[in-house]
Amino acid sequence: MIVAFDAVCLADGAPTGVARAFVTGLREYAEEWPDDMLVLVPEGSDPSELPNVAIRTAPTGAWRRQRALPRLLAETRADVLHSAVAAVPLRAPCPTIATVHDLPWLHPESGERSTWWRRFATRRALAAAAVIIAPSQFTRDAAARIVKDPGKLVVVPHSTPAPPENAAPSPSGRNGPFVVFGDDRPRKNHARIRAAHALAIERATARGEDLPPLRFVGPRDWLPECDKPALLADCRGVIACSLYEGFGLPVLEAAMHEAPLICSDIPPHREIAPPHAVFVDPTDVAAMAAAFGAELPQATPAERPRIAATWRSLHASLAAGSQ
């Protein structure tokens, strides 16, 4: 069985977020079935973080992918196409798996708009896919609103790399900053997070106490993945107070690194957050400030989710059904 993994998510540069989760899955898969893998890497992207498996260059651009991917799949005799995103060929010579990470245009609280074309293209691609992977039940339920056959929707949570053995918190305690991971889209709620931290600093100063600074890690403060474990091991806590998410990878990363966690009380976070997480209303600045100033619960180890076996089961089922 040959599974062609569509790594179009790498076209945006160094893998973060969705791309990071996909690369983690590819590495897990390569530990068991490297000879069955073919990774389609977008033109001009860096494949250095991929496992040592067969790689082919694939086109970018919506129209070029629709024309060229079917030919590439036929040429490589792929049994299944597994895409990191929802954009799969509408006509492919093998069954396709699409991945829908979120659907913000179905949720006004996200603060994000979408073009008619994007909504149309997403619906068409999801209709064409044989299986649709959603990272959370919340996203699965959203996708069910626009998919005629909800039976092809499968929940497969994202995975994240295991922390290195030397990434344990220092004996002297967590003395680093509060950390916010991600870009600055409206859904990330950065303005309220900043206001809450400022209010928490004001209250702490009045009590004669100190609070650590707030650090935003994302496009404007780039942090190489190799440096992230050290930050997660030393930070005072991870702040994941988005208004909307389809999953919430920083929540999972905090759990894996046993970092204290303050997160918004939204459905996908409730699905994946560890027992020690502090949930807050992301629209309530005072509530977030109180969480900043409180003694955060002791983090406990979390079991790292692995997704390769689930992927493999889906691939085998589709390949057998297409014969």
C-alpha atoms as a PDB file:
ATOM      1  CA  MET A   1       0.000   0.000   0.000  1.00  0.00           C
ATOM      2  CA  ILE A   2       1.349   3.413  -0.977  1.00  0.00           C
ATOM      3  CA  VAL A   3       0.015   6.404   0.939  1.00  0.00           C
ATOM      4  CA  ALA A   4       0.703   9.803  -0.599  1.00  0.00           C
ATOM      5  CA  PHE A   5       0.814  12.414   2.154  1.00  0.00           C
ATOM      6  CA  ASP A   6      -0.017  15.875   0.835  1.00  0.00           C
ATOM      7  CA  ALA A   7       2.234  18.202   2.852  1.00  0.00           C
ATOM      8  CA  VAL A   8       0.961  21.395   1.223  1.00  0.00           C
ATOM      9  CA  CYS A   9       0.945  22.956   4.719  1.00  0.00           C
ATOM     10  CA  LEU A  10       4.741  23.286   4.406  1.00  0.00           C
ATOM     11  CA  ALA A  11       4.307  25.906   1.694  1.00  0.00           C
ATOM     12  CA  ASP A  12       3.987  28.603   4.378  1.00  0.00           C
ATOM     13  CA  GLY A  13       7.562  28.121   5.622  1.00  0.00           C
ATOM     14  CA  ALA A  14       8.908  26.511   8.788  1.00  0.00           C
ATOM     15  CA  PRO A  15       6.218  24.211  10.235  1.00  0.00           C
ATOM     16  CA  THR A  16       4.161  25.674  13.066  1.00  0.00           C
ATOM     17  CA  GLY A  17       0.678  24.896  14.320  1.00  0.00           C
ATOM     18  CA  VAL A  18      -1.154  22.703  11.822  1.00  0.00           C
ATOM     19  CA  ALA A  19       2.035  21.925   9.896  1.00  0.00           C
ATOM     20  CA  ARG A  20       3.896  21.011  13.083  1.00  0.00           C
ATOM     21  CA  ALA A  21       1.168  18.566  14.095  1.00  0.00           C
ATOM     22  CA  PHE A  22       1.198  17.003  10.616  1.00  0.00           C
ATOM     23  CA  VAL A  23       4.985  16.578  10.599  1.00  0.00           C
ATOM     24  CA  THR A  24       4.750  14.931  14.023  1.00  0.00           C
ATOM     25  CA  GLY A  25       2.276  12.440  12.582  1.00  0.00           C
ATOM     26  CA  LEU A  26       4.516  11.771   9.589  1.00  0.00           C
ATOM     27  CA  ARG A  27       7.454  11.008  11.864  1.00  0.00           C
ATOM     28  CA  GLU A  28       5.371   8.606  13.925  1.00  0.00           C
ATOM     29  CA  TYR A  29       4.131   6.905  10.757  1.00  0.00           C
ATOM     30  CA  ALA A  30       7.680   6.560   9.438  1.00  0.00           C
ATOM     31  CA  GLU A  31       8.688   4.670  12.582  1.00  0.00           C
ATOM     32  CA  GLU A  32       6.367   1.816  11.554  1.00  0.00           C
ATOM     33  CA  TRP A  33       5.679   2.004   7.809  1.00  0.00           C
ATOM     34  CA  PRO A  34       8.403   4.060   6.082  1.00  0.00           C
ATOM     35  CA  ASP A  35       8.306   2.017   2.872  1.00  0.00           C
ATOM     36  CA  ASP A  36       4.594   2.750   2.410  1.00  0.00           C
ATOM     37  CA  MET A  37       5.016   6.530   2.491  1.00  0.00           C
ATOM     38  CA  LEU A  38       5.311   9.098  -0.269  1.00  0.00           C
ATOM     39  CA  VAL A  39       5.352  12.718   0.900  1.00  0.00           C
ATOM     40  CA  LEU A  40       4.272  15.325  -1.653  1.00  0.00           C
ATOM     41  CA  VAL A  41       6.254  18.431  -0.805  1.00  0.00           C
ATOM     42  CA  PRO A  42       5.187  21.796  -2.264  1.00  0.00           C
ATOM     43  CA  GLU A  43       7.566  23.515  -4.640  1.00  0.00           C
ATOM     44  CA  GLY A  44      10.184  25.643  -2.923  1.00  0.00           C
ATOM     45  CA  SER A  45       9.561  24.317   0.585  1.00  0.00           C
ATOM     46  CA  ASP A  46      12.166  22.872   2.921  1.00  0.00           C
ATOM     47  CA  PRO A  47      11.765  19.108   3.466  1.00  0.00           C
ATOM     48  CA  SER A  48      14.548  18.875   6.061  1.00  0.00           C
ATOM     49  CA  GLU A  49      12.161  18.294   8.967  1.00  0.00           C
ATOM     50  CA  LEU A  50      10.453  15.379   7.252  1.00  0.00           C
ATOM     51  CA  PRO A  51      11.376  11.769   8.023  1.00  0.00           C
ATOM     52  CA  ASN A  52      13.702   9.865   5.695  1.00  0.00           C
ATOM     53  CA  VAL A  53      11.042   8.604   3.285  1.00  0.00           C
ATOM     54  CA  ALA A  54      10.250   8.947  -0.413  1.00  0.00           C
ATOM     55  CA  ILE A  55       9.550  12.558  -1.415  1.00  0.00           C
ATOM     56  CA  ARG A  56       8.148  14.089  -4.596  1.00  0.00           C
ATOM     57  CA  THR A  57       7.734  17.737  -5.459  1.00  0.00           C
ATOM     58  CA  ALA A  58       4.101  18.758  -5.829  1.00  0.00           C
ATOM     59  CA  PRO A  59       2.499  21.885  -7.313  1.00  0.00           C
ATOM     60  CA  THR A  60       1.074  24.773  -5.327  1.00  0.00           C
ATOM     61  CA  GLY A  61      -1.909  26.940  -6.095  1.00  0.00           C
ATOM     62  CA  ALA A  62      -5.548  25.835  -6.076  1.00  0.00           C
ATOM     63  CA  TRP A  63      -5.973  25.422  -9.837  1.00  0.00           C
ATOM     64  CA  ARG A  64      -2.572  23.810 -10.456  1.00  0.00           C
ATOM     65  CA  ARG A  65      -3.182  21.287  -7.678  1.00  0.00           C
ATOM     66  CA  GLN A  66      -6.547  20.316  -9.132  1.00  0.00           C
ATOM     67  CA  ARG A  67      -4.939  19.631 -12.513  1.00  0.00           C
ATOM     68  CA  ALA A  68      -1.581  18.151 -11.514  1.00  0.00           C
ATOM     69  CA  LEU A  69      -2.233  16.155  -8.340  1.00  0.00           C
ATOM     70  CA  PRO A  70      -4.430  13.508 -10.017  1.00  0.00           C
ATOM     71  CA  ARG A  71      -1.714  12.919 -12.622  1.00  0.00           C
ATOM     72  CA  LEU A  72       0.948  12.657  -9.922  1.00  0.00           C
ATOM     73  CA  LEU A  73      -1.151  10.204  -7.915  1.00  0.00           C
ATOM     74  CA  ALA A  74      -1.695   8.038 -10.997  1.00  0.00           C
ATOM     75  CA  GLU A  75       1.985   8.182 -11.896  1.00  0.00           C
ATOM     76  CA  THR A  76       3.092   7.100  -8.411  1.00  0.00           C
ATOM     77  CA  ARG A  77       0.306   4.504  -8.145  1.00  0.00           C
ATOM     78  CA  ALA A  78      -0.780   5.849  -4.779  1.00  0.00           C
ATOM     79  CA  ASP A  79      -3.514   3.856  -3.070  1.00  0.00           C
ATOM     80  CA  VAL A  80      -4.627   6.737  -0.827  1.00  0.00           C
ATOM     81  CA  LEU A  81      -4.053  10.494  -0.724  1.00  0.00           C
ATOM     82  CA  HIS A  82      -3.908  11.887   2.836  1.00  0.00           C
ATOM     83  CA  SER A  83      -3.948  15.688   2.871  1.00  0.00           C
ATOM     84  CA  ALA A  84      -2.941  17.936   5.749  1.00  0.00           C
ATOM     85  CA  VAL A  85      -5.696  20.361   4.733  1.00  0.00           C
ATOM     86  CA  ALA A  86      -9.228  20.299   3.359  1.00  0.00           C
ATOM     87  CA  ALA A  87      -8.126  21.006  -0.216  1.00  0.00           C
ATOM     88  CA  VAL A  88      -8.096  17.644  -2.004  1.00  0.00           C
ATOM     89  CA  PRO A  89      -8.505  17.018  -5.759  1.00  0.00           C
ATOM     90  CA  LEU A  90     -12.140  16.850  -6.779  1.00  0.00           C
ATOM     91  CA  ARG A  91     -11.278  14.016  -9.146  1.00  0.00           C
ATOM     92  CA  ALA A  92      -8.525  11.672  -8.009  1.00  0.00           C
ATOM     93  CA  PRO A  93      -7.554   8.140  -9.101  1.00  0.00           C
ATOM     94  CA  CYS A  94      -7.574   6.958  -5.485  1.00  0.00           C
ATOM     95  CA  PRO A  95      -9.558   7.639  -2.304  1.00  0.00           C
ATOM     96  CA  THR A  96      -8.692  10.901  -0.564  1.00  0.00           C
ATOM     97  CA  ILE A  97      -8.559  12.003   3.068  1.00  0.00           C
ATOM     98  CA  ALA A  98      -9.098  15.685   3.824  1.00  0.00           C
ATOM     99  CA  THR A  99      -8.292  17.359   7.139  1.00  0.00           C
ATOM    100  CA  VAL A 100     -10.547  20.174   8.330  1.00  0.00           C
ATOM    101  CA  HIS A 101      -8.864  22.022  11.197  1.00  0.00           C
ATOM    102  CA  ASP A 102     -11.485  24.668  11.799  1.00  0.00           C
ATOM    103  CA  LEU A 103     -14.380  26.434  10.127  1.00  0.00           C
ATOM    104  CA  PRO A 104     -14.278  29.982  11.534  1.00  0.00           C
ATOM    105  CA  TRP A 105     -16.857  31.297   9.077  1.00  0.00           C
ATOM    106  CA  LEU A 106     -19.467  29.142  10.840  1.00  0.00           C
ATOM    107  CA  HIS A 107     -18.615  30.794  14.185  1.00  0.00           C
ATOM    108  CA  PRO A 108     -19.120  34.582  14.515  1.00  0.00           C
ATOM    109  CA  GLU A 109     -17.138  34.576  17.771  1.00  0.00           C
ATOM    110  CA  SER A 110     -13.975  33.923  15.744  1.00  0.00           C
ATOM    111  CA  GLY A 111     -14.050  37.487  14.439  1.00  0.00           C
ATOM    112  CA  GLU A 112     -12.896  36.251  11.025  1.00  0.00           C
ATOM    113  CA  ARG A 113     -14.589  36.576   7.681  1.00  0.00           C
ATOM    114  CA  SER A 114     -14.264  34.319   4.687  1.00  0.00           C
ATOM    115  CA  THR A 115     -14.768  34.825   0.986  1.00  0.00           C
ATOM    116  CA  TRP A 116     -17.543  33.142  -0.937  1.00  0.00           C
ATOM    117  CA  TRP A 117     -14.910  31.314  -2.975  1.00  0.00           C
ATOM    118  CA  ARG A 118     -13.182  29.867   0.077  1.00  0.00           C
ATOM    119  CA  ARG A 119     -16.461  28.606   1.495  1.00  0.00           C
ATOM    120  CA  PHE A 120     -17.446  27.118  -1.868  1.00  0.00           C
ATOM    121  CA  ALA A 121     -14.044  25.444  -2.380  1.00  0.00           C
ATOM    122  CA  THR A 122     -14.089  23.977   1.125  1.00  0.00           C
ATOM    123  CA  ARG A 123     -17.547  22.505   0.660  1.00  0.00           C
ATOM    124  CA  ARG A 124     -16.600  20.984  -2.700  1.00  0.00           C
ATOM    125  CA  ALA A 125     -13.383  19.461  -1.363  1.00  0.00           C
ATOM    126  CA  LEU A 126     -15.079  17.967   1.680  1.00  0.00           C
ATOM    127  CA  ALA A 127     -17.779  16.514  -0.549  1.00  0.00           C
ATOM    128  CA  ALA A 128     -15.119  14.883  -2.746  1.00  0.00           C
ATOM    129  CA  ALA A 129     -13.115  13.363   0.132  1.00  0.00           C
ATOM    130  CA  ALA A 130     -13.749   9.746   1.103  1.00  0.00           C
ATOM    131  CA  VAL A 131     -12.853  10.512   4.737  1.00  0.00           C
ATOM    132  CA  ILE A 132     -12.638  13.811   6.588  1.00  0.00           C
ATOM    133  CA  ILE A 133     -10.423  14.091   9.665  1.00  0.00           C
ATOM    134  CA  ALA A 134     -11.319  16.673  12.311  1.00  0.00           C
ATOM    135  CA  PRO A 135      -8.994  17.278  15.289  1.00  0.00           C
ATOM    136  CA  SER A 136     -11.813  17.739  17.803  1.00  0.00           C
ATOM    137  CA  GLN A 137     -15.444  16.797  18.310  1.00  0.00           C
ATOM    138  CA  PHE A 138     -16.224  20.498  18.184  1.00  0.00           C
ATOM    139  CA  THR A 139     -14.788  20.815  14.665  1.00  0.00           C
ATOM    140  CA  ARG A 140     -16.359  17.524  13.627  1.00  0.00           C
ATOM    141  CA  ASP A 141     -19.777  18.844  14.665  1.00  0.00           C
ATOM    142  CA  ALA A 142     -19.181  22.071  12.738  1.00  0.00           C
ATOM    143  CA  ALA A 143     -18.178  20.148   9.614  1.00  0.00           C
ATOM    144  CA  ALA A 144     -21.289  17.989   9.931  1.00  0.00           C
ATOM    145  CA  ARG A 145     -23.316  21.130   9.198  1.00  0.00           C
ATOM    146  CA  ILE A 146     -21.907  21.371   5.677  1.00  0.00           C
ATOM    147  CA  VAL A 147     -21.206  17.723   4.801  1.00  0.00           C
ATOM    148  CA  LYS A 148     -24.029  15.635   3.340  1.00  0.00           C
ATOM    149  CA  ASP A 149     -22.569  12.395   4.700  1.00  0.00           C
ATOM    150  CA  PRO A 150     -21.509  12.986   8.339  1.00  0.00           C
ATOM    151  CA  GLY A 151     -20.579   9.304   8.547  1.00  0.00           C
ATOM    152  CA  LYS A 152     -17.288  10.017   6.792  1.00  0.00           C
ATOM    153  CA  LEU A 153     -16.198  12.449   9.516  1.00  0.00           C
ATOM    154  CA  VAL A 154     -13.615  11.035  11.938  1.00  0.00           C
ATOM    155  CA  VAL A 155     -12.130  12.714  15.021  1.00  0.00           C
ATOM    156  CA  VAL A 156      -8.347  12.296  15.228  1.00  0.00           C
ATOM    157  CA  PRO A 157      -6.760  14.738  17.715  1.00  0.00           C
ATOM    158  CA  HIS A 158      -3.477  16.372  16.835  1.00  0.00           C
ATOM    159  CA  SER A 159      -0.220  15.069  18.255  1.00  0.00           C
ATOM    160  CA  THR A 160       2.858  16.911  19.470  1.00  0.00           C
ATOM    161  CA  PRO A 161       6.467  15.822  19.963  1.00  0.00           C
ATOM    162  CA  ALA A 162       7.426  14.411  23.342  1.00  0.00           C
ATOM    163  CA  PRO A 163       9.516  16.820  25.427  1.00  0.00           C
ATOM    164  CA  PRO A 164      13.214  15.986  25.678  1.00  0.00           C
ATOM    165  CA  GLU A 165      14.379  14.354  28.900  1.00  0.00           C
ATOM    166  CA  ASN A 166      16.337  17.451  29.907  1.00  0.00           C
ATOM    167  CA  ALA A 167      13.332  19.786  29.588  1.00  0.00           C
ATOM    168  CA  ALA A 168      12.051  19.296  33.142  1.00  0.00           C
ATOM    169  CA  PRO A 169      11.382  22.494  35.168  1.00  0.00           C
ATOM    170  CA  SER A 170      14.350  23.735  37.174  1.00  0.00           C
ATOM    171  CA  PRO A 171      14.403  22.866  40.899  1.00  0.00           C
ATOM    172  CA  SER A 172      14.180  26.581  41.756  1.00  0.00           C
ATOM    173  CA  GLY A 173      10.781  26.813  40.121  1.00  0.00           C
ATOM    174  CA  ARG A 174       9.284  28.382  37.025  1.00  0.00           C
ATOM    175  CA  ASN A 175      10.794  31.850  36.753  1.00  0.00           C
ATOM    176  CA  GLY A 176      10.149  32.547  33.099  1.00  0.00           C
ATOM    177  CA  PRO A 177       7.411  34.664  31.508  1.00  0.00           C
ATOM    178  CA  PHE A 178       3.778  33.930  30.859  1.00  0.00           C
ATOM    179  CA  VAL A 179       3.783  32.659  27.267  1.00  0.00           C
ATOM    180  CA  VAL A 180       1.205  33.071  24.507  1.00  0.00           C
ATOM    181  CA  PHE A 181       1.791  31.017  21.349  1.00  0.00           C
ATOM    182  CA  GLY A 182       0.290  31.847  17.972  1.00  0.00           C
ATOM    183  CA  ASP A 183      -0.323  34.618  15.492  1.00  0.00           C
ATOM    184  CA  ASP A 184      -2.282  37.806  16.102  1.00  0.00           C
ATOM    185  CA  ARG A 185      -5.547  37.077  14.311  1.00  0.00           C
ATOM    186  CA  PRO A 186      -8.642  38.462  16.102  1.00  0.00           C
ATOM    187  CA  ARG A 187      -9.558  35.021  17.453  1.00  0.00           C
ATOM    188  CA  LYS A 188      -6.299  34.943  19.457  1.00  0.00           C
ATOM    189  CA  ASN A 189      -7.645  37.690  21.728  1.00  0.00           C
ATOM    190  CA  HIS A 190      -4.292  39.392  22.268  1.00  0.00           C
ATOM    191  CA  ALA A 191      -5.706  42.808  23.217  1.00  0.00           C
ATOM    192  CA  ARG A 192      -7.706  41.390  26.136  1.00  0.00           C
ATOM    193  CA  ILE A 193      -4.797  39.189  27.209  1.00  0.00           C
ATOM    194  CA  ARG A 194      -2.520  42.239  27.347  1.00  0.00           C
ATOM    195  CA  ALA A 195      -5.135  44.208  29.281  1.00  0.00           C
ATOM    196  CA  ALA A 196      -5.611  41.341  31.752  1.00  0.00           C
ATOM    197  CA  HIS A 197      -1.873  41.024  32.331  1.00  0.00           C
ATOM    198  CA  ALA A 198      -1.546  44.787  32.882  1.00  0.00           C
ATOM    199  CA  LEU A 199      -4.382  44.673  35.424  1.00  0.00           C
ATOM    200  CA  ALA A 200      -2.777  41.694  37.159  1.00  0.00           C
ATOM    201  CA  ILE A 201       0.553  43.591  37.363  1.00  0.00           C
ATOM    202  CA  GLU A 202      -1.247  46.591  38.863  1.00  0.00           C
ATOM    203  CA  ARG A 203      -2.912  44.442  41.509  1.00  0.00           C
ATOM    204  CA  ALA A 204       0.319  42.597  42.298  1.00  0.00           C
ATOM    205  CA  THR A 205       2.254  45.846  42.670  1.00  0.00           C
ATOM    206  CA  ALA A 206      -0.354  47.132  45.125  1.00  0.00           C
ATOM    207  CA  ARG A 207       0.277  43.998  47.212  1.00  0.00           C
ATOM    208  CA  GLY A 208       4.024  44.433  47.005  1.00  0.00           C
ATOM    209  CA  GLU A 209       4.396  41.395  44.753  1.00  0.00           C
ATOM    210  CA  ASP A 210       5.965  40.779  41.376  1.00  0.00           C
ATOM    211  CA  LEU A 211       4.551  39.038  38.321  1.00  0.00           C
ATOM    212  CA  PRO A 212       6.597  37.865  35.334  1.00  0.00           C
ATOM    213  CA  PRO A 213       6.252  39.592  31.977  1.00  0.00           C
ATOM    214  CA  LEU A 214       4.078  38.447  29.108  1.00  0.00           C
ATOM    215  CA  ARG A 215       5.738  37.028  26.003  1.00  0.00           C
ATOM    216  CA  PHE A 216       4.000  36.489  22.677  1.00  0.00           C
ATOM    217  CA  VAL A 217       5.678  33.820  20.550  1.00  0.00           C
ATOM    218  CA  GLY A 218       4.650  33.837  16.907  1.00  0.00           C
ATOM    219  CA  PRO A 219       5.459  35.471  13.567  1.00  0.00           C
ATOM    220  CA  ARG A 220       6.727  38.677  15.221  1.00  0.00           C
ATOM    221  CA  ASP A 221       8.737  36.874  17.911  1.00  0.00           C
ATOM    222  CA  TRP A 222       9.942  33.792  16.091  1.00  0.00           C
ATOM    223  CA  LEU A 223      11.152  30.919  18.249  1.00  0.00           C
ATOM    224  CA  PRO A 224      12.814  27.878  16.638  1.00  0.00           C
ATOM    225  CA  GLU A 225      11.118  24.619  17.578  1.00  0.00           C
ATOM    226  CA  CYS A 226      14.359  23.390  19.143  1.00  0.00           C
ATOM    227  CA  ASP A 227      14.145  26.238  21.679  1.00  0.00           C
ATOM    228  CA  LYS A 228      10.492  25.744  22.579  1.00  0.00           C
ATOM    229  CA  PRO A 229      10.985  22.911  25.145  1.00  0.00           C
ATOM    230  CA  ALA A 230      13.281  25.099  27.262  1.00  0.00           C
ATOM    231  CA  LEU A 231      10.733  27.918  27.273  1.00  0.00           C
ATOM    232  CA  LEU A 232       7.889  25.535  28.146  1.00  0.00           C
ATOM    233  CA  ALA A 233       9.980  24.077  30.966  1.00  0.00           C
ATOM    234  CA  ASP A 234      10.775  27.478  32.498  1.00  0.00           C
ATOM    235  CA  CYS A 235       7.677  29.591  31.826  1.00  0.00           C
ATOM    236  CA  ARG A 236       5.380  30.614  34.662  1.00  0.00           C
ATOM    237  CA  GLY A 237       2.471  29.410  32.576  1.00  0.00           C
ATOM    238  CA  VAL A 238       0.998  29.049  29.089  1.00  0.00           C
ATOM    239  CA  ILE A 239      -1.860  31.408  28.235  1.00  0.00           C
ATOM    240  CA  ALA A 240      -4.287  30.037  25.640  1.00  0.00           C
ATOM    241  CA  CYS A 241      -7.239  32.411  25.897  1.00  0.00           C
ATOM    242  CA  SER A 242      -8.463  32.435  22.312  1.00  0.00           C
ATOM    243  CA  LEU A 243     -12.042  33.347  21.492  1.00  0.00           C
ATOM    244  CA  TYR A 244     -12.244  30.476  19.020  1.00  0.00           C
ATOM    245  CA  GLU A 245     -10.166  27.429  18.073  1.00  0.00           C
ATOM    246  CA  GLY A 246     -10.697  24.254  16.111  1.00  0.00           C
ATOM    247  CA  PHE A 247      -8.324  22.430  18.443  1.00  0.00           C
ATOM    248  CA  GLY A 248      -5.761  24.429  20.426  1.00  0.00           C
ATOM    249  CA  LEU A 249      -2.248  23.045  19.990  1.00  0.00           C
ATOM    250  CA  PRO A 250      -0.689  25.285  22.711  1.00  0.00           C
ATOM    251  CA  VAL A 251      -3.014  23.622  25.230  1.00  0.00           C
ATOM    252  CA  LEU A 252      -1.695  20.214  24.232  1.00  0.00           C
ATOM    253  CA  GLU A 253       1.911  21.439  24.272  1.00  0.00           C
ATOM    254  CA  ALA A 254       1.467  22.842  27.774  1.00  0.00           C
ATOM    255  CA  ALA A 255       0.062  19.523  28.954  1.00  0.00           C
ATOM    256  CA  MET A 256       2.938  17.550  27.427  1.00  0.00           C
ATOM    257  CA  HIS A 257       5.526  19.795  29.113  1.00  0.00           C
ATOM    258  CA  GLU A 258       3.677  19.887  32.460  1.00  0.00           C
ATOM    259  CA  ALA A 259       3.375  23.668  32.231  1.00  0.00           C
ATOM    260  CA  PRO A 260       0.734  25.534  34.241  1.00  0.00           C
ATOM    261  CA  LEU A 261      -2.095  26.480  31.909  1.00  0.00           C
ATOM    262  CA  ILE A 262      -4.677  29.255  31.740  1.00  0.00           C
ATOM    263  CA  CYS A 263      -7.052  28.663  28.847  1.00  0.00           C
ATOM    264  CA  SER A 264     -10.355  29.914  27.539  1.00  0.00           C
ATOM    265  CA  ASP A 265     -13.455  27.974  28.434  1.00  0.00           C
ATOM    266  CA  ILE A 266     -14.347  26.881  24.911  1.00  0.00           C
ATOM    267  CA  PRO A 267     -15.396  23.386  23.740  1.00  0.00           C
ATOM    268  CA  PRO A 268     -12.157  22.218  22.040  1.00  0.00           C
ATOM    269  CA  HIS A 269     -10.089  23.243  25.060  1.00  0.00           C
ATOM    270  CA  ARG A 270     -12.421  21.307  27.328  1.00  0.00           C
ATOM    271  CA  GLU A 271     -11.745  18.250  25.159  1.00  0.00           C
ATOM    272  CA  ILE A 272      -7.967  18.321  25.440  1.00  0.00           C
ATOM    273  CA  ALA A 273      -6.957  20.375  28.479  1.00  0.00           C
ATOM    274  CA  PRO A 274      -5.431  18.490  31.431  1.00  0.00           C
ATOM    275  CA  PRO A 275      -7.168  18.364  34.847  1.00  0.00           C
ATOM    276  CA  HIS A 276      -4.996  21.119  36.309  1.00  0.00           C
ATOM    277  CA  ALA A 277      -5.913  23.743  33.696  1.00  0.00           C
ATOM    278  CA  VAL A 278      -7.515  26.991  34.830  1.00  0.00           C
ATOM    279  CA  PHE A 279     -10.478  27.869  32.601  1.00  0.00           C
ATOM    280  CA  VAL A 280     -11.540  31.498  32.126  1.00  0.00           C
ATOM    281  CA  ASP A 281     -14.065  33.455  30.104  1.00  0.00           C
ATOM    282  CA  PRO A 282     -11.917  34.931  27.292  1.00  0.00           C
ATOM    283  CA  THR A 283     -14.120  38.037  27.124  1.00  0.00           C
ATOM    284  CA  ASP A 284     -13.723  38.802  30.860  1.00  0.00           C
ATOM    285  CA  VAL A 285     -10.526  40.790  31.414  1.00  0.00           C
ATOM    286  CA  ALA A 286     -10.964  40.846  35.196  1.00  0.00           C
ATOM    287  CA  ALA A 287     -11.333  37.064  35.343  1.00  0.00           C
ATOM    288  CA  MET A 288      -8.198  36.570  33.263  1.00  0.00           C
ATOM    289  CA  ALA A 289      -6.323  39.046  35.471  1.00  0.00           C
ATOM    290  CA  ALA A 290      -7.336  37.084  38.554  1.00  0.00           C
ATOM    291  CA  ALA A 291      -5.952  33.923  36.969  1.00  0.00           C
ATOM    292  CA  PHE A 292      -2.658  35.683  36.208  1.00  0.00           C
ATOM    293  CA  GLY A 293      -2.348  36.719  39.842  1.00  0.00           C
ATOM    294  CA  ALA A 294      -3.361  33.408  41.390  1.00  0.00           C
ATOM    295  CA  GLU A 295      -1.068  30.535  42.293  1.00  0.00           C
ATOM    296  CA  LEU A 296      -1.519  28.190  39.372  1.00  0.00           C
ATOM    297  CA  PRO A 297      -2.166  24.511  40.134  1.00  0.00           C
ATOM    298  CA  GLN A 298       0.724  22.084  39.938  1.00  0.00           C
ATOM    299  CA  ALA A 299       0.900  20.565  36.478  1.00  0.00           C
ATOM    300  CA  THR A 300       0.870  16.797  36.191  1.00  0.00           C
ATOM    301  CA  PRO A 301       2.248  14.558  33.433  1.00  0.00           C
ATOM    302  CA  ALA A 302      -0.058  13.944  30.480  1.00  0.00           C
ATOM    303  CA  GLU A 303      -0.087  11.026  28.090  1.00  0.00           C
ATOM    304  CA  ARG A 304       1.106  12.044  24.652  1.00  0.00           C
ATOM    305  CA  PRO A 305      -1.416  11.224  21.914  1.00  0.00           C
ATOM    306  CA  ARG A 306      -0.096   9.240  18.961  1.00  0.00           C
ATOM    307  CA  ILE A 307      -1.997   9.297  15.701  1.00  0.00           C
ATOM    308  CA  ALA A 308      -0.050   7.104  13.277  1.00  0.00           C
ATOM    309  CA  ALA A 309      -1.949   3.889  14.096  1.00  0.00           C
ATOM    310  CA  THR A 310      -5.288   5.647  13.560  1.00  0.00           C
ATOM    311  CA  TRP A 311      -4.082   7.033  10.239  1.00  0.00           C
ATOM    312  CA  ARG A 312      -2.923   3.570   9.210  1.00  0.00           C
ATOM    313  CA  SER A 313      -6.304   2.028   9.974  1.00  0.00           C
ATOM    314  CA  LEU A 314      -8.049   4.648   7.809  1.00  0.00           C
ATOM    315  CA  HIS A 315      -5.586   4.115   4.953  1.00  0.00           C
ATOM    316  CA  ALA A 316      -5.953   0.331   4.994  1.00  0.00           C
ATOM    317  CA  SER A 317      -9.741   0.551   5.026  1.00  0.00           C
ATOM    318  CA  LEU A 318      -9.852   2.958   2.073  1.00  0.00           C
ATOM    319  CA  ALA A 319      -7.269   1.039   0.056  1.00  0.00           C
ATOM    320  CA  ALA A 320      -9.151  -2.239   0.557  1.00  0.00           C
ATOM    321  CA  GLY A 321     -12.453  -0.636  -0.368  1.00  0.00           C
ATOM    322  CA  SER A 322     -11.113   0.802  -3.608  1.00  0.00           C
ATOM    323  CA  GLN A 323      -9.871  -2.534  -4.937  1.00  0.00           C
END
